[in-house]
N, C-alpha and C. Protein backbone atom coordinates (compact mmCIF):
# COMPACT_ATOMS: atom_id res chain seq x y z
N MET A 1 -8.58 35.09 20.11
CA MET A 1 -9.65 34.12 19.97
C MET A 1 -9.83 33.72 18.51
N LEU A 2 -9.80 34.71 17.64
CA LEU A 2 -9.96 34.43 16.21
C LEU A 2 -8.79 33.62 15.67
N GLN A 3 -7.60 33.89 16.18
CA GLN A 3 -6.42 33.14 15.74
C GLN A 3 -6.52 31.68 16.16
N ARG A 4 -7.00 31.41 17.36
CA ARG A 4 -7.16 30.03 17.81
C ARG A 4 -8.19 29.30 16.97
N LEU A 5 -9.29 29.97 16.70
CA LEU A 5 -10.34 29.36 15.88
C LEU A 5 -9.81 29.04 14.48
N THR A 6 -9.05 29.95 13.92
CA THR A 6 -8.45 29.72 12.61
C THR A 6 -7.46 28.56 12.65
N ALA A 7 -6.66 28.50 13.71
CA ALA A 7 -5.69 27.41 13.85
C ALA A 7 -6.40 26.07 13.97
N TYR A 8 -7.46 26.01 14.78
CA TYR A 8 -8.21 24.76 14.92
C TYR A 8 -8.86 24.35 13.61
N LEU A 9 -9.39 25.32 12.89
CA LEU A 9 -10.01 25.03 11.61
C LEU A 9 -9.00 24.47 10.61
N LEU A 10 -7.80 25.05 10.57
CA LEU A 10 -6.76 24.55 9.68
C LEU A 10 -6.30 23.16 10.07
N ILE A 11 -6.18 22.90 11.36
CA ILE A 11 -5.77 21.56 11.80
C ILE A 11 -6.81 20.53 11.42
N VAL A 12 -8.07 20.84 11.63
CA VAL A 12 -9.15 19.91 11.27
C VAL A 12 -9.17 19.67 9.77
N SER A 13 -8.96 20.70 8.97
CA SER A 13 -8.98 20.51 7.51
C SER A 13 -7.80 19.66 7.06
N LEU A 14 -6.63 19.85 7.66
CA LEU A 14 -5.48 19.01 7.30
C LEU A 14 -5.70 17.56 7.69
N VAL A 15 -6.24 17.34 8.87
CA VAL A 15 -6.48 15.97 9.33
C VAL A 15 -7.54 15.30 8.47
N SER A 16 -8.58 16.02 8.14
CA SER A 16 -9.64 15.42 7.33
C SER A 16 -9.16 15.12 5.91
N ALA A 17 -8.26 15.92 5.39
CA ALA A 17 -7.73 15.65 4.05
C ALA A 17 -6.84 14.42 4.04
N ASN A 18 -6.12 14.18 5.12
CA ASN A 18 -5.18 13.07 5.16
C ASN A 18 -5.78 11.77 5.63
N PHE A 19 -6.91 11.82 6.33
CA PHE A 19 -7.48 10.61 6.90
C PHE A 19 -8.88 10.34 6.36
N THR A 20 -9.08 10.49 5.06
CA THR A 20 -10.41 10.25 4.50
C THR A 20 -10.82 8.80 4.63
N ARG A 21 -9.88 7.89 4.47
CA ARG A 21 -10.20 6.46 4.61
C ARG A 21 -10.66 6.15 6.03
N PHE A 22 -10.03 6.77 7.01
CA PHE A 22 -10.43 6.55 8.40
C PHE A 22 -11.85 7.05 8.64
N PHE A 23 -12.18 8.20 8.07
CA PHE A 23 -13.53 8.75 8.26
C PHE A 23 -14.58 7.89 7.57
N VAL A 24 -14.24 7.34 6.42
CA VAL A 24 -15.18 6.44 5.74
C VAL A 24 -15.41 5.19 6.59
N TYR A 25 -14.33 4.65 7.16
CA TYR A 25 -14.45 3.46 8.01
C TYR A 25 -15.25 3.77 9.27
N ALA A 26 -14.98 4.92 9.89
CA ALA A 26 -15.71 5.30 11.10
C ALA A 26 -17.20 5.49 10.80
N GLY A 27 -17.50 6.12 9.66
CA GLY A 27 -18.90 6.28 9.28
C GLY A 27 -19.58 4.95 9.02
N PHE A 28 -18.84 4.02 8.44
CA PHE A 28 -19.39 2.68 8.21
C PHE A 28 -19.67 1.96 9.53
N GLU A 29 -18.73 2.03 10.46
CA GLU A 29 -18.91 1.35 11.74
C GLU A 29 -20.06 1.96 12.55
N LEU A 30 -20.21 3.27 12.49
CA LEU A 30 -21.28 3.91 13.24
C LEU A 30 -22.66 3.62 12.65
N ASN A 31 -22.73 3.46 11.35
CA ASN A 31 -24.02 3.25 10.67
C ASN A 31 -24.13 1.87 10.04
N ARG A 32 -23.49 0.89 10.63
CA ARG A 32 -23.44 -0.45 10.03
C ARG A 32 -24.84 -1.05 9.85
N ASN A 33 -25.69 -0.94 10.86
CA ASN A 33 -27.03 -1.54 10.76
C ASN A 33 -27.85 -0.86 9.67
N TYR A 34 -27.81 0.47 9.61
CA TYR A 34 -28.57 1.18 8.58
C TYR A 34 -28.06 0.84 7.18
N ILE A 35 -26.75 0.79 7.03
CA ILE A 35 -26.17 0.47 5.72
C ILE A 35 -26.53 -0.95 5.30
N ALA A 36 -26.48 -1.88 6.24
CA ALA A 36 -26.78 -3.28 5.92
C ALA A 36 -28.24 -3.47 5.54
N THR A 37 -29.14 -2.71 6.14
CA THR A 37 -30.57 -2.90 5.86
C THR A 37 -31.08 -2.04 4.71
N LYS A 38 -30.51 -0.86 4.51
CA LYS A 38 -31.07 0.07 3.52
C LYS A 38 -30.20 0.28 2.28
N LEU A 39 -28.88 0.35 2.44
CA LEU A 39 -28.01 0.76 1.34
C LEU A 39 -27.24 -0.38 0.69
N CYS A 40 -27.18 -1.53 1.33
CA CYS A 40 -26.37 -2.64 0.81
C CYS A 40 -26.96 -3.17 -0.48
N GLU A 41 -26.09 -3.49 -1.43
CA GLU A 41 -26.55 -4.03 -2.71
C GLU A 41 -27.04 -5.46 -2.56
N ASN A 42 -26.51 -6.18 -1.58
CA ASN A 42 -26.85 -7.59 -1.39
C ASN A 42 -27.78 -7.80 -0.20
N ARG A 43 -28.60 -6.80 0.13
CA ARG A 43 -29.49 -6.94 1.29
C ARG A 43 -30.56 -8.01 1.07
N ASN A 44 -30.88 -8.32 -0.19
CA ASN A 44 -31.87 -9.36 -0.48
C ASN A 44 -31.25 -10.76 -0.52
N LYS A 45 -29.92 -10.84 -0.36
CA LYS A 45 -29.23 -12.13 -0.38
C LYS A 45 -28.50 -12.32 0.95
N PRO A 46 -29.20 -12.71 2.01
CA PRO A 46 -28.55 -12.85 3.31
C PRO A 46 -27.52 -13.98 3.37
N GLN A 47 -27.58 -14.91 2.43
CA GLN A 47 -26.63 -16.03 2.45
C GLN A 47 -25.21 -15.56 2.12
N LEU A 48 -25.03 -14.37 1.54
CA LEU A 48 -23.70 -13.85 1.22
C LEU A 48 -22.98 -13.24 2.43
N HIS A 49 -23.74 -12.94 3.49
CA HIS A 49 -23.19 -12.34 4.71
C HIS A 49 -22.38 -11.08 4.40
N CYS A 50 -22.91 -10.26 3.54
CA CYS A 50 -22.23 -9.02 3.14
C CYS A 50 -22.28 -7.99 4.27
N ASN A 51 -23.44 -7.79 4.84
CA ASN A 51 -23.65 -6.85 5.95
C ASN A 51 -23.12 -5.44 5.66
N GLY A 52 -23.23 -5.01 4.43
CA GLY A 52 -22.84 -3.66 4.05
C GLY A 52 -21.40 -3.50 3.65
N LYS A 53 -20.63 -4.58 3.59
CA LYS A 53 -19.22 -4.47 3.22
C LYS A 53 -19.05 -4.04 1.77
N CYS A 54 -20.00 -4.43 0.92
CA CYS A 54 -19.93 -4.02 -0.48
C CYS A 54 -20.07 -2.50 -0.59
N TYR A 55 -20.98 -1.94 0.18
CA TYR A 55 -21.17 -0.49 0.19
C TYR A 55 -19.91 0.20 0.74
N PHE A 56 -19.33 -0.38 1.80
CA PHE A 56 -18.11 0.17 2.39
C PHE A 56 -16.96 0.16 1.38
N MET A 57 -16.78 -0.94 0.67
CA MET A 57 -15.69 -1.03 -0.30
C MET A 57 -15.91 -0.03 -1.44
N LYS A 58 -17.15 0.16 -1.84
CA LYS A 58 -17.45 1.13 -2.90
C LYS A 58 -17.08 2.55 -2.44
N LYS A 59 -17.40 2.88 -1.21
CA LYS A 59 -17.07 4.20 -0.69
C LYS A 59 -15.56 4.39 -0.53
N VAL A 60 -14.86 3.34 -0.14
CA VAL A 60 -13.40 3.43 -0.02
C VAL A 60 -12.78 3.67 -1.39
N LYS A 61 -13.25 2.96 -2.40
CA LYS A 61 -12.74 3.17 -3.77
C LYS A 61 -13.01 4.59 -4.25
N GLN A 62 -14.22 5.09 -3.96
CA GLN A 62 -14.54 6.46 -4.36
C GLN A 62 -13.61 7.46 -3.68
N ALA A 63 -13.33 7.25 -2.40
CA ALA A 63 -12.44 8.17 -1.67
C ALA A 63 -11.03 8.11 -2.24
N GLU A 64 -10.54 6.91 -2.58
CA GLU A 64 -9.20 6.78 -3.16
C GLU A 64 -9.12 7.43 -4.53
N GLU A 65 -10.15 7.22 -5.34
CA GLU A 65 -10.16 7.85 -6.68
C GLU A 65 -10.20 9.36 -6.57
N LYS A 66 -10.98 9.86 -5.62
CA LYS A 66 -11.06 11.31 -5.43
C LYS A 66 -9.71 11.86 -5.00
N GLN A 67 -9.04 11.16 -4.09
CA GLN A 67 -7.72 11.61 -3.63
C GLN A 67 -6.71 11.54 -4.77
N ASN A 68 -6.76 10.48 -5.59
CA ASN A 68 -5.84 10.36 -6.72
C ASN A 68 -6.06 11.47 -7.74
N THR A 69 -7.32 11.78 -8.03
CA THR A 69 -7.59 12.85 -8.99
C THR A 69 -7.14 14.20 -8.42
N GLU A 70 -7.32 14.40 -7.12
CA GLU A 70 -6.85 15.65 -6.52
C GLU A 70 -5.33 15.74 -6.59
N ASP A 71 -4.65 14.62 -6.35
CA ASP A 71 -3.19 14.61 -6.44
C ASP A 71 -2.73 14.90 -7.86
N ARG A 72 -3.39 14.28 -8.83
CA ARG A 72 -3.02 14.54 -10.23
C ARG A 72 -3.26 15.99 -10.60
N GLN A 73 -4.39 16.53 -10.13
CA GLN A 73 -4.69 17.93 -10.44
C GLN A 73 -3.66 18.85 -9.80
N ALA A 74 -3.25 18.52 -8.59
CA ALA A 74 -2.23 19.33 -7.92
C ALA A 74 -0.91 19.26 -8.69
N GLN A 75 -0.55 18.07 -9.17
CA GLN A 75 0.67 17.92 -9.95
C GLN A 75 0.57 18.69 -11.26
N LYS A 76 -0.60 18.67 -11.89
CA LYS A 76 -0.77 19.44 -13.12
C LYS A 76 -0.62 20.93 -12.83
N ASN A 77 -1.21 21.38 -11.74
CA ASN A 77 -1.11 22.79 -11.39
C ASN A 77 0.34 23.18 -11.12
N LEU A 78 1.08 22.31 -10.45
CA LEU A 78 2.48 22.61 -10.21
C LEU A 78 3.26 22.66 -11.51
N PHE A 79 2.94 21.75 -12.42
CA PHE A 79 3.64 21.74 -13.71
C PHE A 79 3.30 22.99 -14.50
N GLN A 80 2.06 23.40 -14.49
CA GLN A 80 1.67 24.58 -15.23
C GLN A 80 2.28 25.85 -14.64
N GLU A 81 2.43 25.89 -13.33
CA GLU A 81 3.03 27.05 -12.71
C GLU A 81 4.53 27.11 -12.99
N ALA A 82 5.14 25.97 -13.26
CA ALA A 82 6.57 25.94 -13.48
C ALA A 82 6.95 26.46 -14.87
N ASN A 83 6.02 26.46 -15.80
CA ASN A 83 6.33 26.95 -17.15
C ASN A 83 6.35 28.47 -17.15
N TYR A 84 7.36 29.00 -17.81
CA TYR A 84 7.52 30.44 -17.93
C TYR A 84 7.44 30.75 -19.42
N ASN A 85 6.35 31.35 -19.85
CA ASN A 85 6.07 31.47 -21.28
C ASN A 85 6.42 32.83 -21.87
N GLN A 86 7.03 33.72 -21.14
CA GLN A 86 7.39 35.00 -21.71
C GLN A 86 8.70 34.86 -22.48
N PRO A 87 8.84 35.63 -23.56
CA PRO A 87 10.08 35.52 -24.34
C PRO A 87 11.29 35.94 -23.52
N VAL A 88 12.34 35.21 -23.70
CA VAL A 88 13.57 35.48 -22.96
C VAL A 88 14.44 36.40 -23.80
N LYS A 89 14.87 37.49 -23.20
CA LYS A 89 15.76 38.42 -23.89
C LYS A 89 17.19 38.02 -23.60
N VAL A 90 17.90 37.66 -24.66
CA VAL A 90 19.30 37.26 -24.51
C VAL A 90 20.16 38.44 -24.93
N LYS A 91 21.05 38.83 -24.06
CA LYS A 91 21.90 39.97 -24.35
C LYS A 91 23.34 39.50 -24.34
N PHE A 92 24.03 39.76 -25.43
CA PHE A 92 25.43 39.36 -25.55
C PHE A 92 26.31 40.57 -25.26
N TYR A 93 27.27 40.38 -24.42
CA TYR A 93 28.20 41.44 -24.09
C TYR A 93 29.49 41.20 -24.88
N PRO A 94 29.99 42.22 -25.57
CA PRO A 94 31.19 42.02 -26.38
C PRO A 94 32.44 41.77 -25.52
N VAL A 95 32.52 42.40 -24.36
CA VAL A 95 33.68 42.21 -23.51
C VAL A 95 33.20 41.67 -22.17
N LEU A 96 33.58 40.46 -21.89
CA LEU A 96 33.18 39.88 -20.62
C LEU A 96 34.12 40.29 -19.50
N LEU A 97 35.39 40.36 -19.82
CA LEU A 97 36.39 40.75 -18.83
C LEU A 97 37.06 42.02 -19.30
N SER A 98 37.26 42.90 -18.41
CA SER A 98 37.99 44.10 -18.78
C SER A 98 39.29 44.13 -17.99
N VAL A 99 40.35 44.57 -18.63
CA VAL A 99 41.66 44.62 -18.02
C VAL A 99 41.84 46.01 -17.42
N THR A 100 42.13 46.03 -16.15
CA THR A 100 42.36 47.31 -15.50
C THR A 100 43.82 47.37 -15.07
N LYS A 101 44.37 48.56 -15.10
CA LYS A 101 45.76 48.74 -14.71
C LYS A 101 45.82 48.95 -13.21
N VAL A 102 46.66 48.14 -12.59
CA VAL A 102 46.86 48.22 -11.15
C VAL A 102 48.25 48.81 -10.93
N PRO A 103 48.38 49.77 -10.06
CA PRO A 103 49.72 50.32 -9.82
C PRO A 103 50.67 49.26 -9.30
N ASN A 104 51.88 49.33 -9.76
CA ASN A 104 52.88 48.33 -9.43
C ASN A 104 53.80 48.89 -8.34
N TYR A 105 53.65 48.40 -7.12
CA TYR A 105 54.48 48.84 -6.01
C TYR A 105 55.42 47.72 -5.59
N ARG A 106 56.28 47.34 -6.48
CA ARG A 106 57.23 46.29 -6.14
C ARG A 106 58.43 46.90 -5.41
N ILE A 107 58.97 46.10 -4.56
CA ILE A 107 60.15 46.55 -3.83
C ILE A 107 61.37 46.21 -4.68
N GLN A 108 62.19 47.20 -4.88
CA GLN A 108 63.40 46.99 -5.65
C GLN A 108 64.49 46.43 -4.73
N LEU A 109 65.00 45.27 -5.08
CA LEU A 109 66.06 44.65 -4.30
C LEU A 109 67.40 45.28 -4.68
N PRO A 110 68.31 45.32 -3.74
CA PRO A 110 69.62 45.89 -4.09
C PRO A 110 70.32 45.02 -5.12
N GLN A 111 71.08 45.65 -5.96
CA GLN A 111 71.74 44.97 -7.05
C GLN A 111 73.16 44.53 -6.71
N GLN A 112 73.50 44.41 -5.45
CA GLN A 112 74.83 43.97 -5.06
C GLN A 112 74.94 42.47 -5.27
N VAL A 113 76.00 42.07 -5.83
CA VAL A 113 76.22 40.66 -6.08
C VAL A 113 77.13 40.11 -5.00
N ALA A 114 76.68 39.17 -4.28
CA ALA A 114 77.52 38.54 -3.26
C ALA A 114 78.36 37.49 -3.96
N SER A 115 79.63 37.44 -3.59
CA SER A 115 80.52 36.53 -4.28
C SER A 115 80.19 35.07 -4.02
N ILE A 116 80.00 34.74 -2.77
CA ILE A 116 79.71 33.34 -2.44
C ILE A 116 78.60 33.33 -1.40
N PHE A 117 77.62 32.55 -1.66
CA PHE A 117 76.55 32.38 -0.67
C PHE A 117 76.88 31.21 0.20
N GLN A 118 76.90 31.41 1.53
CA GLN A 118 77.18 30.31 2.45
C GLN A 118 75.98 30.13 3.36
N PRO A 119 75.43 28.93 3.36
CA PRO A 119 74.33 28.67 4.25
C PRO A 119 74.79 28.62 5.70
N PRO A 120 73.92 28.85 6.64
CA PRO A 120 74.34 28.81 8.06
C PRO A 120 74.83 27.42 8.44
N ARG A 121 75.78 27.38 9.32
CA ARG A 121 76.34 26.12 9.77
C ARG A 121 75.57 25.63 10.99
N LEU A 122 75.39 24.32 10.99
CA LEU A 122 74.75 23.73 12.15
C LEU A 122 75.81 23.32 13.13
N ALA A 123 75.55 23.42 14.39
CA ALA A 123 76.52 23.16 15.45
C ALA A 123 77.24 21.92 15.22
């Protein structure tokens, strides 16, 4: 049960992180009348027919800026983790290859000299 709850929580957090623009739009659509009457900057100018779109665009920009700053921060963190600041010990070895003696088990061929070598004849 706890594993399922944890899995659902992780799925919801991943979806909410990736779809912030969708959630801003859904919140705007659900509260359009309230935003148009109470939060809109142009509520005193009905001839502009804003109906809360200015507030919506402001929130979309804020969400994009927040996501961009989070992406930059994540990139900075990755860059900082990639740096390795401890001194590197370089060790030089005088002999890189060593020569080892391998026993030589060659087959000694007979030393008989054949007078004439004749290749096999074809039919």
